[in-house]
Amino acid sequence: MKIAVFSDFDIYLENFEAIYAKEEEEFFDLVLNKKRDVLIVSVNYLKAFLEIKRYINAYVIFITDVCNDVMYKKVLEFGDDCFLYYEKKIVYRLAYLRKKMIKSNSDVYKNGDILYNFNTKTLYINSEPIVLSRAEKELVETLIKYNDSFIDKYGILEECDSINNVDSIKVLISKLRKIGLEIDSIKNLGYKLKTKEDK
């Protein structure tokens, strides 16, 4: 899920990667020339946002330091949601949107020579089906679900019922790499499935 942020508030987007625009021109370029799934916009930039609103096909979240009934009603005329800039609820909303987008986009994930069918739970590499254990399937689905950001071992444990401890994750990641999945790892951040854009 691709996120663009245009705000003078500091927002902590745990487990999400976002591009932050500092100026109107940079924000307009992000929105108009590069597809973004979610826009997070400070209400202070509402006027600038309205200039390009008709060209936008993204979920729009406004953030503010005051979200009374009047403000909430106003921003919902132009966007989809409104949060106080320090609210953790914004992270929950983004997690929900990510799940929803994966389901609505397709039952199939494709990235280069890799294809994963969520219905049959089958992984294909170069059109060849790969036999996976239940834990490996859950890990592949989790990496796909979080393919725009890193997920740490404890996040993986929460997502995967078949994986019982953090030591197992390293072994499973190693097996997935051996069969051809490219997985990045960064200490203290976790793992991320490498996409065509990353290469």
Foldseek 3Di string as FASTA:
>chain_A
DEEEEEDPDDADQPLADYHYDDDLVSVCCCFQVPPGAEYEYEVVCVVSCVVCLVRGDHAYEYEYQDDDPVNQVVVVVRHPYYYHRHDPVVNVVVLVVLVVCVVVVDQWDDFVQWIARNVVLWIGGVNHTDDDDLQLSQQVVVLVSSQRGFDALVSSCVRGPVDDDSVVVVVSVVVVVVVPFDWDQDPPGHIHGDGPVND
